[in-house]
Amino acid sequence: MSSDRVDTREQFRPADHPSEHFLLTTVVGSYPKPTWLNRAKDLAEDDDRGFDDDALAEAMDDAARLITEEHVRAGLDAVVDGEMRRNEMVEYFADRIEGYEFNGPVKVWGHNYFDKPSVADEVAYTEPWLVDEFEFTTGVADRPVKVPITGPYTLASWSFNEAYDSEAELAYELADLVNEEIEALVEAGARYVQIDEPALATTPDDHAIVGECLEHIADGVPEDVRLGLHVCYGDYSRIYPEILEMPVHEYDLELANGDYEQLDVFKQPEFTKDLALGVVDVHTTEVESVEEIKENILKGLEIVPPERLTVSPDCGVKLLPREVAYEKTANMVTAAREVEAELDAGEITVGHAGQQ
């Protein structure tokens, strides 16, 4: 796949979009689960309650439908289902990949535990991971659906490796499986796939491994399928500009939480890919005003022109109260639409790094 200035973005412009300019609005992935869904999961784990797998599946469908419609109501151009069926970003996929096994929870920080899996045997792709989820969400939404997938580097790094000579070797094998999954998703109609690699921020010196993984992932993916990479909470100067060589169209970066202190990292050399800019902070329950978010969006226009800017939260919003997550999302969309109108009217002077 060649990602050099292939326009994979225009397909997400709504047919009735009111402005000539178009800032693609989307979310990273996770969203707060309804309280009743968490209760349903508890009931399903209690053998004495008679709440079986079919009942739990219905509850997950209901939650996915509800949150997808909430994203539509907020006005997003590309939606997700809030990852209502996913328990945790590594566990969910490890449970579906042959070769993984679980041995109990591991304490990760404070009082938080993570059911860290082990790779006990050669990994293999034996069934689709997300196709049913994608098809369900597509059936609910009246607009494009984005598919977030935990990346192979994170799947390898956040697991115990008991079967491969190195973590890199495991990551490359997992990348081939992600490629198979994307092929299945594309066949089902997916045109926007985001690879989540939060582990890269904790070990940025391994960006070459992530780049090789992405080469495996992108192999054979059609040109019209938009591939994004989400990285959060790290020192971006340690991976930039090397990441520009990776075969993706869009980089989704957390910057609002750090008050855009790292914005200048991406000005030299020129940022040549699309930028999905975090414009609301997912670590605070304070709902940013439309005006505040508009100021944040303008920071993105210091890096890329409007036709290469995506507007997004910093990261998944699952830890926020649900009403706060919705208000942040809705204000984000309103801010993007107002900036588009001001760009149309010539009220905003764009001076992105490539013009300086």
Protein backbone atom coordinates (compact mmCIF):
# COMPACT_ATOMS: atom_id res chain seq x y z
CA MET A 1 0.00 0.00 0.00
CA SER A 2 1.22 3.49 -0.82
CA SER A 3 -0.12 6.13 1.58
CA ASP A 4 1.52 9.17 -0.03
CA ARG A 5 -1.28 11.69 -0.43
CA VAL A 6 -3.89 9.12 -1.37
CA ASP A 7 -7.21 10.83 -0.56
CA THR A 8 -9.05 8.34 1.64
CA ARG A 9 -10.84 11.11 3.52
CA GLU A 10 -13.37 12.65 1.15
CA GLN A 11 -15.53 9.50 1.24
CA PHE A 12 -16.52 10.41 4.80
CA ARG A 13 -17.91 13.84 3.89
CA PRO A 14 -21.70 13.78 4.38
CA ALA A 15 -23.70 14.33 1.19
CA ASP A 16 -25.48 17.29 2.81
CA HIS A 17 -22.38 18.80 4.41
CA PRO A 18 -23.09 22.55 4.69
CA SER A 19 -19.55 23.87 4.20
CA GLU A 20 -16.98 23.74 1.44
CA HIS A 21 -14.33 22.94 4.02
CA PHE A 22 -14.56 19.59 5.79
CA LEU A 23 -12.96 18.69 9.10
CA LEU A 24 -13.57 14.99 9.64
CA THR A 25 -14.97 14.40 13.14
CA THR A 26 -14.67 11.06 14.91
CA VAL A 27 -13.74 9.47 18.24
CA VAL A 28 -10.88 7.21 19.26
CA GLY A 29 -13.02 4.29 20.35
CA SER A 30 -14.15 3.59 23.91
CA TYR A 31 -17.16 5.22 25.58
CA PRO A 32 -18.68 4.87 29.08
CA LYS A 33 -20.77 1.72 29.37
CA PRO A 34 -24.34 2.08 30.63
CA THR A 35 -24.60 1.01 34.26
CA TRP A 36 -27.12 -1.67 33.36
CA LEU A 37 -24.67 -3.30 30.95
CA ASN A 38 -22.11 -3.71 33.73
CA ARG A 39 -24.88 -5.17 35.88
CA ALA A 40 -25.81 -7.59 33.08
CA LYS A 41 -22.20 -8.80 32.93
CA ASP A 42 -22.24 -9.41 36.68
CA LEU A 43 -25.47 -11.38 36.36
CA ALA A 44 -24.02 -13.48 33.52
CA GLU A 45 -21.07 -14.48 35.74
CA ASP A 46 -23.43 -15.67 38.52
CA ASP A 47 -24.56 -19.22 37.70
CA ASP A 48 -27.42 -18.93 40.18
CA ARG A 49 -29.12 -16.01 38.40
CA GLY A 50 -30.12 -17.75 35.16
CA PHE A 51 -28.81 -14.88 33.04
CA ASP A 52 -27.35 -16.79 30.12
CA ASP A 53 -25.04 -15.89 27.22
CA ASP A 54 -27.98 -15.08 24.93
CA ALA A 55 -29.33 -12.58 27.43
CA LEU A 56 -25.89 -10.99 27.77
CA ALA A 57 -25.50 -10.82 23.98
CA GLU A 58 -28.85 -9.03 23.75
CA ALA A 59 -27.75 -6.55 26.43
CA MET A 60 -24.52 -5.86 24.53
CA ASP A 61 -26.47 -5.35 21.30
CA ASP A 62 -28.78 -2.91 23.07
CA ALA A 63 -25.82 -0.99 24.50
CA ALA A 64 -24.02 -0.91 21.16
CA ARG A 65 -27.17 0.37 19.46
CA LEU A 66 -27.69 3.02 22.13
CA ILE A 67 -24.13 4.38 22.07
CA THR A 68 -23.88 4.30 18.27
CA GLU A 69 -27.07 6.37 18.13
CA GLU A 70 -25.61 8.69 20.76
CA HIS A 71 -22.60 9.27 18.52
CA VAL A 72 -24.92 9.92 15.58
CA ARG A 73 -26.93 12.39 17.68
CA ALA A 74 -23.69 14.19 18.59
CA GLY A 75 -23.12 14.68 14.86
CA LEU A 76 -19.92 12.70 14.32
CA ASP A 77 -18.96 11.99 10.71
CA ALA A 78 -17.48 8.55 11.49
CA VAL A 79 -18.85 6.64 14.47
CA VAL A 80 -18.03 3.59 16.57
CA ASP A 81 -20.18 1.63 19.01
CA GLY A 82 -18.15 2.77 22.01
CA GLU A 83 -16.57 -0.70 22.26
CA MET A 84 -19.55 -1.92 24.25
CA ARG A 85 -18.62 -5.58 23.73
CA ARG A 86 -14.99 -5.14 24.73
CA ASN A 87 -13.85 -5.65 28.30
CA GLU A 88 -10.24 -4.45 27.87
CA MET A 89 -8.19 -3.64 24.79
CA VAL A 90 -5.78 -6.59 25.08
CA GLU A 91 -7.99 -9.17 26.80
CA TYR A 92 -10.73 -8.87 24.18
CA PHE A 93 -8.42 -9.78 21.30
CA ALA A 94 -6.29 -12.30 23.21
CA ASP A 95 -9.48 -14.21 23.96
CA ARG A 96 -10.01 -14.57 20.19
CA ILE A 97 -6.46 -15.44 19.12
CA GLU A 98 -5.31 -19.05 19.23
CA GLY A 99 -2.13 -19.42 21.27
CA TYR A 100 -3.14 -17.07 24.09
CA GLU A 101 -4.20 -18.23 27.53
CA PHE A 102 -5.22 -16.49 30.76
CA ASN A 103 -3.79 -17.27 34.19
CA GLY A 104 -5.50 -14.67 36.36
CA PRO A 105 -5.31 -10.93 37.00
CA VAL A 106 -2.07 -8.99 37.48
CA LYS A 107 -1.87 -5.78 39.51
CA VAL A 108 -0.90 -2.92 37.19
CA TRP A 109 -1.27 0.27 39.23
CA GLY A 110 -2.96 1.34 42.45
CA HIS A 111 -5.85 -1.02 43.04
CA ASN A 112 -6.34 -1.78 39.35
CA TYR A 113 -5.93 -5.26 37.96
CA PHE A 114 -5.51 -6.47 34.39
CA ASP A 115 -6.08 -10.03 33.25
CA LYS A 116 -2.71 -10.12 31.49
CA PRO A 117 -2.63 -13.02 29.03
CA SER A 118 0.24 -15.32 28.13
CA VAL A 119 1.28 -16.40 24.66
CA ALA A 120 1.76 -20.08 25.38
CA ASP A 121 1.83 -21.37 21.79
CA GLU A 122 2.09 -20.17 18.22
CA VAL A 123 -0.57 -17.55 17.53
CA ALA A 124 -3.14 -18.14 14.79
CA TYR A 125 -6.21 -16.51 13.26
CA THR A 126 -9.09 -18.95 13.50
CA GLU A 127 -12.17 -16.69 13.47
CA PRO A 128 -13.06 -13.06 12.68
CA TRP A 129 -12.68 -10.76 15.67
CA LEU A 130 -14.77 -7.72 14.81
CA VAL A 131 -16.78 -8.43 11.65
CA ASP A 132 -20.04 -9.12 13.49
CA GLU A 133 -19.53 -6.01 15.61
CA PHE A 134 -18.85 -3.90 12.50
CA GLU A 135 -21.85 -5.24 10.61
CA PHE A 136 -24.15 -4.63 13.57
CA THR A 137 -22.92 -1.05 14.00
CA THR A 138 -23.22 -0.39 10.27
CA GLY A 139 -26.81 -1.59 10.45
CA VAL A 140 -27.56 0.90 13.22
CA ALA A 141 -25.69 3.96 11.95
CA ASP A 142 -26.66 6.12 8.98
CA ARG A 143 -23.03 7.11 8.39
CA PRO A 144 -19.55 5.54 8.12
CA VAL A 145 -18.27 3.33 10.93
CA LYS A 146 -14.65 3.36 12.08
CA VAL A 147 -13.09 0.16 13.43
CA PRO A 148 -10.47 0.45 16.20
CA ILE A 149 -8.15 -2.58 16.57
CA THR A 150 -5.53 -3.04 19.27
CA GLY A 151 -2.21 -3.14 17.44
CA PRO A 152 0.17 -6.10 17.35
CA TYR A 153 2.96 -4.31 19.21
CA THR A 154 0.67 -3.59 22.16
CA LEU A 155 -0.81 -7.10 22.02
CA ALA A 156 2.73 -8.45 22.28
CA SER A 157 4.12 -5.95 24.76
CA TRP A 158 1.25 -6.24 27.23
CA SER A 159 1.32 -10.05 27.29
CA PHE A 160 3.67 -12.64 28.75
CA ASN A 161 5.68 -14.16 25.89
CA GLU A 162 6.29 -17.85 26.52
CA ALA A 163 6.40 -19.10 22.93
CA TYR A 164 8.58 -16.80 20.78
CA ASP A 165 12.28 -15.97 20.85
CA SER A 166 11.57 -12.23 21.06
CA GLU A 167 8.75 -9.79 21.53
CA ALA A 168 9.43 -8.41 18.06
CA GLU A 169 8.97 -11.85 16.47
CA LEU A 170 5.66 -12.21 18.29
CA ALA A 171 4.57 -8.74 17.19
CA TYR A 172 5.27 -9.52 13.52
CA GLU A 173 3.24 -12.74 13.74
CA LEU A 174 0.37 -10.83 15.34
CA ALA A 175 0.62 -8.18 12.62
CA ASP A 176 -0.08 -10.85 10.03
CA LEU A 177 -3.20 -11.81 11.98
CA VAL A 178 -4.34 -8.18 12.12
CA ASN A 179 -3.88 -8.07 8.35
CA GLU A 180 -6.19 -11.08 8.00
CA GLU A 181 -8.77 -9.38 10.19
CA ILE A 182 -8.64 -6.19 8.13
CA GLU A 183 -9.13 -8.23 4.97
CA ALA A 184 -12.29 -9.70 6.52
CA LEU A 185 -13.49 -6.27 7.61
CA VAL A 186 -12.85 -4.78 4.17
CA GLU A 187 -14.84 -7.59 2.60
CA ALA A 188 -17.66 -6.68 5.01
CA GLY A 189 -17.49 -3.05 3.85
CA ALA A 190 -15.12 -1.34 6.30
CA ARG A 191 -13.28 1.70 4.93
CA TYR A 192 -11.79 3.24 8.10
CA VAL A 193 -9.55 1.19 10.41
CA GLN A 194 -7.56 2.55 13.34
CA ILE A 195 -4.63 0.65 14.86
CA ASP A 196 -4.21 1.43 18.57
CA GLU A 197 -0.62 1.28 19.83
CA PRO A 198 -0.51 2.85 23.31
CA ALA A 199 2.49 0.68 24.21
CA LEU A 200 4.60 2.66 21.73
CA ALA A 201 4.43 5.68 24.03
CA THR A 202 5.99 3.70 26.87
CA THR A 203 8.78 2.22 24.73
CA PRO A 204 9.29 4.75 21.91
CA ASP A 205 12.67 3.31 20.93
CA ASP A 206 10.73 0.42 19.39
CA HIS A 207 9.12 2.59 16.71
CA ALA A 208 10.99 0.57 14.06
CA ILE A 209 9.21 -2.59 15.25
CA VAL A 210 5.86 -0.80 15.04
CA GLY A 211 6.74 0.41 11.54
CA GLU A 212 7.54 -3.13 10.42
CA CYS A 213 4.28 -4.35 11.99
CA LEU A 214 2.36 -1.74 10.02
CA GLU A 215 4.05 -2.89 6.81
CA HIS A 216 2.64 -6.36 7.51
CA ILE A 217 -0.78 -4.91 8.38
CA ALA A 218 -1.04 -2.70 5.28
CA ASP A 219 0.02 -5.41 2.83
CA GLY A 220 -2.72 -5.82 0.26
CA VAL A 221 -5.14 -3.38 1.89
CA PRO A 222 -7.05 -1.50 -0.86
CA GLU A 223 -6.06 2.10 -1.52
CA ASP A 224 -9.50 3.44 -0.55
CA VAL A 225 -9.34 2.01 2.98
CA ARG A 226 -8.23 4.65 5.47
CA LEU A 227 -5.63 3.36 7.94
CA GLY A 228 -4.90 5.32 11.09
CA LEU A 229 -2.48 4.89 13.99
CA HIS A 230 -3.46 6.05 17.48
CA VAL A 231 -0.61 6.82 19.91
CA CYS A 232 -1.12 8.51 23.27
CA TYR A 233 0.71 9.96 26.24
CA GLY A 234 4.35 9.84 25.22
CA ASP A 235 7.34 11.92 24.22
CA TYR A 236 6.60 12.34 20.54
CA SER A 237 10.02 13.82 19.81
CA ARG A 238 11.40 10.29 20.24
CA ILE A 239 9.29 8.93 17.38
CA TYR A 240 9.08 11.95 15.07
CA PRO A 241 9.77 12.30 12.17
CA GLU A 242 10.43 8.56 11.82
CA ILE A 243 6.71 7.78 12.09
CA LEU A 244 6.08 9.64 8.84
CA GLU A 245 7.57 6.65 7.02
CA MET A 246 4.92 4.28 8.38
CA PRO A 247 2.28 3.11 5.86
CA VAL A 248 -0.76 4.84 7.36
CA HIS A 249 -2.80 7.81 6.21
CA GLU A 250 -3.58 9.36 9.58
CA TYR A 251 -1.91 9.77 12.98
CA ASP A 252 -4.26 10.20 15.93
CA LEU A 253 -2.36 11.99 18.70
CA GLU A 254 -3.14 13.03 22.28
CA LEU A 255 -2.14 16.66 22.74
CA ALA A 256 -4.91 18.43 24.68
CA ASN A 257 -3.98 16.78 27.98
CA GLY A 258 -0.47 18.23 27.70
CA ASP A 259 -1.83 21.68 26.78
CA TYR A 260 -0.22 21.31 23.33
CA GLU A 261 3.29 21.62 24.72
CA GLN A 262 4.50 19.12 22.10
CA LEU A 263 2.82 20.82 19.13
CA ASP A 264 6.11 22.24 17.82
CA VAL A 265 7.54 18.71 17.53
CA PHE A 266 5.47 18.23 14.39
CA LYS A 267 6.37 21.49 12.64
CA GLN A 268 9.88 20.57 11.47
CA PRO A 269 10.17 18.63 9.32
CA GLU A 270 6.77 19.11 7.72
CA PHE A 271 3.99 16.78 8.87
CA THR A 272 3.14 15.03 5.60
CA LYS A 273 0.31 12.75 6.74
CA ASP A 274 -3.21 13.49 7.97
CA LEU A 275 -3.45 14.57 11.61
CA ALA A 276 -6.22 13.45 13.93
CA LEU A 277 -5.81 16.00 16.70
CA GLY A 278 -7.02 15.47 20.24
CA VAL A 279 -9.03 18.63 21.00
CA VAL A 280 -10.75 17.59 24.25
CA ASP A 281 -9.03 16.21 27.35
CA VAL A 282 -10.38 12.81 28.41
CA HIS A 283 -8.73 13.07 31.83
CA THR A 284 -10.95 15.85 33.16
CA THR A 285 -14.69 15.96 33.73
CA GLU A 286 -14.74 19.65 32.87
CA VAL A 287 -16.60 20.04 29.59
CA GLU A 288 -14.64 22.31 27.27
CA SER A 289 -16.70 25.09 25.71
CA VAL A 290 -17.19 25.31 21.96
CA GLU A 291 -14.92 28.37 21.91
CA GLU A 292 -12.15 26.53 23.78
CA ILE A 293 -12.34 23.61 21.38
CA LYS A 294 -12.24 25.95 18.38
CA GLU A 295 -8.98 27.39 19.71
CA ASN A 296 -7.62 23.85 19.99
CA ILE A 297 -8.67 23.03 16.43
CA LEU A 298 -6.77 26.07 15.20
CA LYS A 299 -3.63 24.60 16.77
CA GLY A 300 -4.01 21.66 14.40
CA LEU A 301 -4.08 24.09 11.48
CA GLU A 302 -0.56 25.13 12.50
CA ILE A 303 0.54 21.64 11.47
CA VAL A 304 -1.65 20.63 8.51
CA PRO A 305 -4.10 22.33 6.15
CA PRO A 306 -7.85 21.83 6.79
CA GLU A 307 -8.13 19.06 4.20
CA ARG A 308 -5.76 16.94 6.29
CA LEU A 309 -7.16 17.64 9.77
CA THR A 310 -9.37 15.22 11.71
CA VAL A 311 -10.99 16.38 14.95
CA SER A 312 -11.10 13.86 17.79
CA PRO A 313 -10.86 13.49 21.58
CA ASP A 314 -7.40 12.80 23.01
CA CYS A 315 -8.19 9.13 23.61
CA GLY A 316 -11.08 6.85 24.52
CA VAL A 317 -13.57 8.49 26.89
CA LYS A 318 -14.66 5.37 28.78
CA LEU A 319 -13.53 6.66 32.21
CA LEU A 320 -15.68 9.80 32.05
CA PRO A 321 -19.28 10.08 33.26
CA ARG A 322 -21.47 9.33 30.29
CA GLU A 323 -23.17 12.74 30.18
CA VAL A 324 -19.73 14.40 30.24
CA ALA A 325 -18.48 12.19 27.40
CA TYR A 326 -21.52 13.12 25.31
CA GLU A 327 -21.26 16.86 25.99
CA LYS A 328 -17.56 16.89 25.11
CA THR A 329 -18.29 15.02 21.88
CA ALA A 330 -21.22 17.23 20.88
CA ASN A 331 -19.28 20.43 21.63
CA MET A 332 -16.36 19.07 19.60
CA VAL A 333 -18.59 18.57 16.55
CA THR A 334 -20.19 22.01 16.93
CA ALA A 335 -16.74 23.60 17.16
CA ALA A 336 -15.57 21.80 14.00
CA ARG A 337 -18.64 22.93 12.05
CA GLU A 338 -18.13 26.55 13.18
CA VAL A 339 -14.46 26.47 12.18
CA GLU A 340 -15.45 25.10 8.76
CA ALA A 341 -17.90 27.98 8.26
CA GLU A 342 -15.27 30.51 9.29
CA LEU A 343 -12.77 28.95 6.89
CA ASP A 344 -15.35 29.23 4.10
CA ALA A 345 -15.88 32.90 4.94
CA GLY A 346 -12.15 33.60 4.94
CA GLU A 347 -12.27 34.59 8.61
CA ILE A 348 -9.44 32.19 9.51
CA THR A 349 -5.95 32.50 8.05
CA VAL A 350 -4.37 29.10 7.72
CA GLY A 351 -0.61 29.09 8.26
CA HIS A 352 0.31 25.44 8.62
CA ALA A 353 3.93 24.42 8.93
CA GLY A 354 4.25 23.37 5.30
CA GLN A 355 3.61 26.97 4.19
CA GLN A 356 6.17 28.55 6.50
